[in-house]
Protein backbone atom coordinates (compact mmCIF):
# COMPACT_ATOMS: atom_id res chain seq x y z
CA MET A 1 11.51 23.94 -0.86
CA GLU A 2 8.32 22.53 -1.97
CA ASP A 3 5.16 24.41 -2.81
CA GLU A 4 2.54 24.63 -0.54
CA PRO A 5 0.05 23.06 -2.00
CA GLN A 6 2.16 20.32 -2.99
CA SER A 7 3.67 19.81 0.42
CA LYS A 8 0.59 19.90 2.09
CA ARG A 9 -0.82 17.18 -0.34
CA ARG A 10 2.55 14.99 0.39
CA LEU A 11 1.33 15.42 4.25
CA LEU A 12 -2.12 14.04 3.51
CA GLN A 13 -0.87 10.92 1.38
CA GLN A 14 1.91 9.95 2.58
CA LYS A 15 1.53 7.08 5.48
CA HIS A 16 3.51 4.89 7.72
CA THR A 17 7.10 5.36 9.27
CA ALA A 18 9.51 2.80 9.51
CA ALA A 19 12.09 2.42 12.48
CA GLY A 20 14.55 3.03 15.15
CA ILE A 21 16.56 3.65 18.15
CA HIS A 22 16.65 5.67 21.44
CA ALA A 23 17.36 8.87 20.13
CA PRO A 24 16.14 11.85 18.55
CA LEU A 25 15.28 11.88 14.65
CA ARG A 26 18.99 10.66 13.16
CA VAL A 27 20.69 7.21 12.88
CA PHE A 28 21.06 6.43 8.82
CA HIS A 29 23.82 4.16 7.55
CA PRO A 30 27.20 5.74 7.48
CA SER A 31 26.86 4.09 3.50
CA SER A 32 23.84 5.57 3.17
CA SER A 33 24.13 8.39 0.14
CA PRO A 34 23.44 11.74 1.43
CA ARG A 35 20.05 11.96 -1.35
CA ARG A 36 19.26 9.27 0.45
CA GLU A 37 19.28 10.24 4.10
CA ASP A 38 17.74 13.54 2.69
CA ALA A 39 14.72 11.44 1.53
CA ASP A 40 14.08 9.36 4.79
CA ARG A 41 14.54 12.46 7.07
CA SER A 42 11.90 14.42 4.51
CA TYR A 43 9.87 10.81 4.84
CA PHE A 44 9.94 10.37 8.23
CA GLN A 45 9.53 14.31 9.47
CA SER A 46 5.90 13.89 7.42
CA TYR A 47 5.04 11.66 9.88
CA SER A 48 5.49 13.69 13.00
CA HIS A 49 2.54 15.75 11.97
CA ILE A 50 -0.59 14.24 13.94
CA GLY A 51 -3.01 14.96 11.00
CA ILE A 52 -1.66 11.71 9.36
CA HIS A 53 -2.06 9.28 12.50
CA GLU A 54 -5.76 10.52 13.00
CA GLN A 55 -6.64 10.08 9.54
CA MET A 56 -5.02 6.59 9.69
CA ILE A 57 -6.42 5.56 13.07
CA LYS A 58 -10.21 7.17 11.86
CA ASP A 59 -9.62 4.60 9.56
CA ARG A 60 -12.07 1.75 11.04
CA VAL A 61 -11.60 -0.36 8.13
CA ARG A 62 -8.14 -0.32 8.59
CA THR A 63 -7.96 0.07 12.24
CA ASP A 64 -10.37 -2.78 13.08
CA ALA A 65 -8.59 -5.35 10.54
CA TYR A 66 -5.69 -4.87 12.70
CA ARG A 67 -7.37 -5.14 15.94
CA ASP A 68 -9.08 -8.34 15.06
CA ALA A 69 -6.38 -10.20 13.61
CA ILE A 70 -4.34 -9.18 16.83
CA MET A 71 -7.37 -10.88 18.95
CA ARG A 72 -7.32 -13.52 16.56
CA HIS A 73 -3.66 -14.13 16.42
CA GLN A 74 -3.98 -14.20 20.32
CA ASN A 75 -2.76 -17.56 21.41
CA LEU A 76 0.21 -16.21 19.31
CA ILE A 77 0.94 -13.26 20.63
CA SER A 78 0.07 -13.45 24.41
CA ASP A 79 3.32 -14.08 26.94
CA LYS A 80 5.33 -13.21 23.60
CA VAL A 81 7.71 -10.54 22.21
CA VAL A 82 6.21 -8.47 19.56
CA MET A 83 8.12 -5.34 17.26
CA ASP A 84 5.78 -3.11 15.89
CA VAL A 85 7.55 -1.20 12.80
CA GLY A 86 6.87 2.03 12.32
CA CYS A 87 4.48 2.44 15.45
CA GLY A 88 3.22 5.47 14.99
CA THR A 89 1.29 7.01 17.77
CA GLY A 90 1.86 2.98 19.04
CA ILE A 91 -1.85 2.05 19.26
CA LEU A 92 -1.29 -1.40 17.41
CA SER A 93 1.32 -1.83 19.96
CA ILE A 94 -1.10 -1.09 22.92
CA PHE A 95 -3.67 -3.59 21.20
CA CYS A 96 -0.80 -6.37 21.13
CA ALA A 97 -0.40 -5.15 25.00
CA GLN A 98 -4.06 -6.08 25.37
CA ALA A 99 -4.05 -9.01 23.73
CA GLY A 100 -1.16 -10.33 26.72
CA ALA A 101 2.06 -9.56 24.70
CA ARG A 102 5.06 -9.56 27.20
CA ARG A 103 6.70 -7.05 25.81
CA VAL A 104 6.03 -4.99 22.85
CA TYR A 105 9.26 -2.86 20.92
CA ALA A 106 7.15 -0.22 19.39
CA VAL A 107 9.95 1.32 17.08
CA GLU A 108 9.50 4.74 15.22
CA ALA A 109 11.67 7.12 13.28
CA SER A 110 9.68 10.21 13.17
CA GLU A 111 9.11 12.76 16.44
CA ILE A 112 5.60 11.38 17.02
CA ALA A 113 7.98 8.71 19.21
CA ILE A 114 7.85 10.95 22.25
CA GLN A 115 3.96 11.46 22.33
CA ALA A 116 3.70 7.45 21.80
CA GLU A 117 5.67 7.02 24.50
CA ILE A 118 3.59 9.56 26.76
CA VAL A 119 0.63 7.46 25.15
CA MET A 120 2.28 4.64 27.26
CA ARG A 121 3.20 5.91 30.33
CA ASP A 122 -0.67 7.05 30.66
CA ASN A 123 -2.22 3.83 30.09
CA ASN A 124 0.20 2.27 32.23
CA LEU A 125 2.36 0.31 29.84
CA SER A 126 5.78 1.53 29.91
CA ASP A 127 6.64 -1.50 31.51
CA LYS A 128 5.50 -3.67 28.18
CA VAL A 129 5.33 -0.91 25.62
CA ILE A 130 9.10 -0.32 24.75
CA ILE A 131 9.42 2.87 22.19
CA LEU A 132 12.29 2.49 20.71
CA HIS A 133 12.59 6.17 18.70
CA GLY A 134 14.90 5.94 15.29
CA ARG A 135 15.37 3.34 12.33
CA VAL A 136 14.27 -0.45 12.62
CA GLU A 137 17.47 -0.54 10.60
CA ASP A 138 19.37 1.19 13.34
CA ILE A 139 18.11 -0.29 16.59
CA GLU A 140 19.46 -3.22 18.38
CA ILE A 141 17.57 -5.21 21.51
CA GLU A 142 18.75 -8.50 23.33
CA GLU A 143 16.31 -10.62 21.84
CA LYS A 144 14.44 -12.10 19.46
CA VAL A 145 10.70 -11.27 18.68
CA ASP A 146 7.95 -14.02 17.96
CA VAL A 147 5.77 -11.50 15.94
CA ILE A 148 6.58 -8.69 13.74
CA ILE A 149 3.54 -6.21 13.15
CA SER A 150 3.41 -2.88 11.18
CA GLU A 151 1.30 -0.97 9.26
CA TRP A 152 3.27 -0.52 5.86
CA MET A 153 1.34 -0.23 3.00
CA GLY A 154 1.36 2.54 0.70
CA TYR A 155 -0.81 3.23 -2.20
CA ILE A 156 -0.46 0.77 -4.73
CA LEU A 157 0.80 -1.43 -1.92
CA LEU A 158 4.80 -0.34 -2.70
CA TYR A 159 4.68 3.35 -2.41
CA GLU A 160 6.91 4.41 0.68
CA SER A 161 8.87 0.73 0.29
CA MET A 162 8.42 0.48 3.84
CA LEU A 163 7.95 -3.20 3.53
CA THR A 164 11.77 -3.60 3.45
CA SER A 165 12.11 -2.32 6.69
CA VAL A 166 9.49 -5.07 7.31
CA ILE A 167 12.17 -7.69 5.61
CA PHE A 168 15.08 -6.17 7.41
CA ALA A 169 13.13 -6.53 10.91
CA ARG A 170 12.43 -10.00 9.93
CA ASP A 171 15.51 -11.18 8.93
CA LYS A 172 17.30 -10.20 11.87
CA TRP A 173 14.73 -10.63 14.50
CA LEU A 174 11.60 -12.91 14.09
CA LYS A 175 12.24 -16.18 15.79
CA PRO A 176 11.72 -19.70 13.19
CA GLY A 177 8.38 -19.98 12.88
CA GLY A 178 7.16 -16.64 13.73
CA LEU A 179 4.14 -14.59 13.01
CA ILE A 180 3.71 -11.74 10.62
CA LEU A 181 0.80 -9.25 10.43
CA PRO A 182 -0.05 -8.94 7.51
CA SER A 183 1.44 -12.00 6.19
CA HIS A 184 0.58 -11.53 2.41
CA ALA A 185 -0.65 -8.84 0.40
CA THR A 186 -1.91 -8.73 -3.72
CA ILE A 187 -2.30 -6.06 -5.79
CA TYR A 188 -4.63 -5.59 -8.66
CA MET A 189 -5.48 -3.32 -11.51
CA ALA A 190 -8.78 -2.97 -13.49
CA PRO A 191 -9.78 -0.76 -16.37
CA PHE A 192 -12.58 2.00 -15.38
CA THR A 193 -14.37 4.57 -16.63
CA TYR A 194 -15.43 7.71 -14.41
CA ASP A 195 -17.56 9.76 -16.25
CA GLU A 196 -18.39 11.93 -13.58
CA MET A 197 -14.94 13.22 -13.07
CA TYR A 198 -14.61 13.93 -16.45
CA GLU A 199 -17.28 16.59 -16.67
CA SER A 200 -16.51 18.38 -13.60
CA THR A 201 -12.59 18.81 -14.26
CA ILE A 202 -12.58 18.63 -18.03
CA ASN A 203 -15.87 19.30 -20.05
CA PHE A 204 -16.77 22.01 -17.33
CA TRP A 205 -14.00 24.64 -19.02
CA ARG A 206 -16.48 23.94 -22.09
CA ASN A 207 -19.13 26.73 -20.42
CA VAL A 208 -18.00 28.53 -17.31
CA TYR A 209 -20.74 30.96 -16.64
CA GLY A 210 -21.76 31.32 -20.44
CA ILE A 211 -18.51 31.75 -20.79
CA ASN A 212 -16.58 29.47 -23.88
CA MET A 213 -13.21 28.68 -22.02
CA SER A 214 -12.52 25.90 -24.04
CA ALA A 215 -8.89 26.55 -24.74
CA MET A 216 -8.72 25.54 -21.25
CA ILE A 217 -9.31 22.23 -21.43
CA PRO A 218 -5.55 20.84 -22.87
CA HIS A 219 -3.95 22.38 -19.60
CA ALA A 220 -6.67 20.84 -17.69
CA LYS A 221 -5.66 17.37 -18.97
CA LEU A 222 -2.20 17.84 -18.43
CA CYS A 223 -2.61 19.05 -15.23
CA ALA A 224 -5.01 16.47 -13.74
CA PHE A 225 -3.69 13.60 -15.66
CA GLU A 226 0.03 13.91 -15.44
CA GLU A 227 0.43 12.21 -12.04
CA PRO A 228 -1.56 8.98 -10.27
CA ALA A 229 -4.78 10.27 -8.99
CA ILE A 230 -5.69 9.25 -5.20
CA GLU A 231 -9.42 8.92 -5.49
CA THR A 232 -12.33 6.62 -4.99
CA ILE A 233 -14.47 5.01 -6.94
CA GLY A 234 -16.98 1.66 -6.75
CA GLY A 235 -17.40 -0.98 -7.91
CA GLU A 236 -19.60 -0.09 -11.01
CA ASN A 237 -16.64 1.93 -12.52
CA ILE A 238 -14.79 -1.09 -12.98
CA LEU A 239 -15.01 -2.44 -17.12
CA THR A 240 -13.69 -6.09 -16.18
CA TRP A 241 -12.83 -8.77 -14.05
CA PRO A 242 -9.40 -6.99 -12.12
CA SER A 243 -6.17 -8.58 -12.86
CA GLU A 244 -3.42 -9.90 -9.96
CA ILE A 245 -0.46 -7.70 -10.29
CA LYS A 246 1.37 -8.76 -7.50
CA TYR A 247 1.38 -11.58 -4.94
CA LEU A 248 3.44 -10.90 -1.89
CA ASP A 249 4.22 -13.62 0.97
CA CYS A 250 5.49 -11.57 3.78
CA TYR A 251 7.77 -14.78 5.22
CA THR A 252 10.00 -14.91 2.07
CA VAL A 253 9.56 -11.89 -0.24
CA ALA A 254 12.98 -10.38 -0.77
CA ALA A 255 14.12 -6.42 -0.70
CA ARG A 256 15.34 -7.19 -4.63
CA ASP A 257 11.87 -8.54 -5.42
CA LEU A 258 10.21 -5.26 -4.74
CA GLU A 259 12.57 -3.16 -6.97
CA SER A 260 11.03 -3.24 -10.20
CA ILE A 261 7.72 -5.54 -10.93
CA THR A 262 6.74 -6.46 -14.33
CA THR A 263 3.41 -8.20 -15.02
CA GLU A 264 1.23 -8.64 -18.28
CA TYR A 265 -2.28 -8.37 -18.10
CA ARG A 266 -5.18 -9.26 -20.25
CA PHE A 267 -8.54 -7.95 -20.00
CA ARG A 268 -12.18 -8.40 -21.86
CA SER A 269 -14.31 -5.41 -20.95
CA LEU A 270 -17.71 -6.61 -19.32
CA VAL A 271 -19.42 -3.48 -20.64
CA GLN A 272 -19.38 -0.99 -23.47
CA ALA A 273 -18.39 2.63 -22.16
CA PRO A 274 -15.78 5.02 -22.27
CA LEU A 275 -12.42 3.78 -20.40
CA HIS A 276 -10.91 6.70 -19.01
CA GLY A 277 -8.26 5.19 -17.44
CA PHE A 278 -6.57 2.25 -15.21
CA ALA A 279 -7.37 1.87 -11.54
CA PHE A 280 -5.11 -0.09 -8.85
CA TRP A 281 -5.50 -1.21 -5.41
CA PHE A 282 -4.63 -4.19 -2.97
CA ASP A 283 -5.47 -6.48 -0.51
CA VAL A 284 -3.49 -7.95 2.89
CA GLU A 285 -4.44 -11.18 4.44
CA PHE A 286 -3.52 -11.69 8.35
CA ASN A 287 -2.39 -15.30 8.29
CA GLY A 288 0.19 -17.61 9.42
CA PRO A 289 2.99 -18.29 7.67
CA ALA A 290 2.91 -20.99 4.13
CA VAL A 291 3.58 -24.28 5.28
CA VAL A 292 2.81 -26.88 2.12
CA PRO A 293 3.70 -25.68 -1.39
CA SER A 294 0.54 -26.15 -4.00
CA GLU A 295 -0.40 -25.13 -7.04
CA SER A 296 -2.77 -22.41 -8.48
CA HIS A 297 -6.38 -23.35 -7.47
CA SER A 298 -5.45 -25.18 -4.69
CA GLN A 299 -7.59 -25.25 -1.51
CA LEU A 300 -6.46 -23.39 0.96
CA THR A 301 -6.06 -25.01 4.84
CA ASP A 302 -8.86 -22.58 5.66
CA GLY A 303 -11.32 -23.93 3.08
CA SER A 304 -11.13 -21.14 0.45
CA SER A 305 -9.56 -20.94 -2.86
CA SER A 306 -6.67 -18.89 -4.11
CA PHE A 307 -7.19 -16.66 -6.99
CA ASN A 308 -5.77 -17.70 -9.92
CA SER A 309 -5.32 -14.30 -11.71
CA SER A 310 -5.43 -13.83 -15.82
CA ASN A 311 -2.08 -12.88 -16.39
CA GLY A 312 -1.38 -16.55 -14.65
CA SER A 313 1.15 -14.62 -11.85
CA SER A 314 -0.56 -16.49 -8.52
CA HIS A 315 1.43 -18.36 -6.62
CA ARG A 316 0.19 -19.64 -3.64
CA LYS A 317 0.36 -21.91 -1.06
CA LYS A 318 -1.27 -23.55 1.54
CA ARG A 319 -1.62 -21.68 5.11
CA VAL A 320 -2.04 -22.29 8.50
CA LYS A 321 -5.43 -23.26 9.45
CA SER A 322 -8.11 -20.84 10.66
CA ASP A 323 -11.64 -20.27 10.85
CA GLN A 324 -11.91 -17.16 8.50
CA VAL A 325 -8.89 -15.50 6.69
CA ILE A 326 -9.37 -11.43 8.09
CA VAL A 327 -8.64 -9.70 4.88
CA LEU A 328 -8.27 -5.85 4.97
CA SER A 329 -9.21 -4.93 1.20
CA THR A 330 -9.04 -1.74 -0.51
CA SER A 331 -11.28 -2.64 -3.74
CA PRO A 332 -13.06 -0.25 -5.24
CA GLU A 333 -16.04 -3.09 -4.36
CA GLU A 334 -15.14 -2.63 -0.50
CA ALA A 335 -16.13 0.22 2.20
CA PRO A 336 -13.68 3.39 1.17
CA THR A 337 -10.28 3.53 3.38
CA HIS A 338 -7.75 5.90 3.46
CA TRP A 339 -5.57 4.64 0.53
CA GLN A 340 -8.69 5.16 -1.60
CA GLN A 341 -7.57 3.88 -5.49
CA THR A 342 -4.91 4.91 -7.67
CA LEU A 343 -5.93 5.83 -10.72
CA LEU A 344 -3.99 6.35 -13.81
CA TYR A 345 -6.13 8.66 -16.37
CA LEU A 346 -5.49 8.52 -20.09
CA TYR A 347 -5.26 11.90 -21.92
CA GLU A 348 -8.25 11.08 -23.88
CA PRO A 349 -11.33 8.22 -23.00
CA ILE A 350 -11.55 5.37 -25.37
CA GLU A 351 -14.52 4.17 -26.24
CA VAL A 352 -14.37 -0.06 -25.90
CA LYS A 353 -17.16 -2.24 -26.61
CA GLN A 354 -18.41 -5.21 -24.62
CA ASP A 355 -16.02 -8.25 -24.85
CA GLN A 356 -13.65 -6.09 -26.27
CA ILE A 357 -9.77 -7.22 -25.53
CA ILE A 358 -7.26 -4.92 -23.53
CA GLU A 359 -4.04 -6.08 -23.33
CA GLY A 360 -0.20 -4.90 -22.20
CA SER A 361 2.23 -4.79 -19.22
CA VAL A 362 2.58 -2.43 -16.21
CA THR A 363 5.90 -2.03 -14.43
CA LEU A 364 6.01 -0.41 -11.20
CA ALA A 365 9.86 0.20 -9.95
CA GLN A 366 11.61 2.28 -6.82
CA CYS A 367 12.52 5.24 -8.39
CA LYS A 368 16.27 5.88 -8.30
CA GLU A 369 16.54 9.51 -7.09
CA ASN A 370 14.33 8.56 -4.21
CA SER A 371 13.27 4.85 -3.60
CA ARG A 372 10.03 6.14 -1.37
CA PHE A 373 8.58 7.19 -5.04
CA MET A 374 7.27 4.87 -7.17
CA ASN A 375 7.86 4.73 -11.48
CA ILE A 376 4.47 3.41 -13.05
CA GLN A 377 5.18 2.23 -16.83
CA LEU A 378 1.62 1.56 -18.59
CA GLN A 379 1.32 -0.53 -21.71
CA TYR A 380 -1.81 -0.96 -23.53
CA ARG A 381 -3.56 -1.73 -26.82
CA PHE A 382 -6.98 -2.62 -28.15
CA CYS A 383 -8.41 -2.90 -31.44
CA THR A 384 -10.52 -0.06 -32.41
CA SER A 385 -11.40 1.84 -35.24
CA SER A 386 -10.00 4.60 -33.94
CA THR A 387 -6.75 3.19 -32.62
CA GLY A 388 -6.14 0.35 -35.03
CA GLY A 389 -4.36 -2.15 -32.57
CA GLN A 390 -2.09 0.45 -31.78
CA SER A 391 0.00 0.22 -28.44
CA PHE A 392 0.05 3.11 -26.02
CA VAL A 393 2.53 3.77 -23.06
CA LYS A 394 2.06 5.96 -20.32
CA GLU A 395 4.71 7.14 -17.64
CA SER A 396 3.64 8.43 -14.23
CA VAL A 397 5.46 9.11 -10.94
CA LEU A 398 3.92 8.65 -7.93
CA ARG A 399 5.63 10.79 -5.71
């Protein structure tokens, strides 16, 4: 049994449901291990709490981006069949119905599906939006779908592993040439400085009501920095241009591609400042499927340029023409979202000079014990008088 603070933190941090069938919460594959069943049951149960759905819907950056994307692609949704994977309270399904969808299969594995069904009835949408209560891996419908929409993103994009459910739905039900929203996603990373946090969390102990409590500092560092932190920072906290860690095309990505991702990075500091850690965030795009392969730096069919990361991992393709690509960004440079940024703090800040090189590698991997958790291994090195170019490794679990 989790202690109350940790359970509450998990409840507030977890987002998004996978999906399912006409039955109370259950329906797991017979081949699933008991450990996986317990993890899924706990995961879905957390989404029965209304607070999580309130937090997501009140995130105007998130909700407006989805509504704008649905209306932008109304010509591909009107009179079509849509599947909403992890529909929650059903607000995205309603947006699709308002855009003219002929039928929406709203799939939700948590008990919030019961309330979603009432919402549909109260809005006279029961004949158009069909709530399927259970996991998307277990439902059965009698037709293919033209559109799949899902709000599957977790911290560092892939936390909670819900994208695998979208991939399952895509491979089983999406018609050739169908639409997936969001269509593409990118994980970014950059070193950051955050003196305010360090002062309030660590140096606070040096003088507490006039009392020297510095003996608490090592323990405070362990407690604050042993796990990834979900916090909001600004563009002024970022020390370098970001590096693209992973680019995903939701039309082609396979579930096995998400099990472990390793990328090398190389940053050049823009300023002299104490480096407190590394920040991660993501963007998602709402666009049509890729249609024409092209090289990095190619022009997209909407006229914008593809982003070429410093590690050369960008493999972009030309996409269906649109007047403007809708992007939902969780970047420190953009308006805050409920995802905030994921921060990996160093145990000790390190002073970096302007133009100093920071390089290494990062691995994001699903935990074997619980695939909805994420193992993060960060290797980093920089040449300073104090480190002499020594390499360091930081391992964390986002749970």
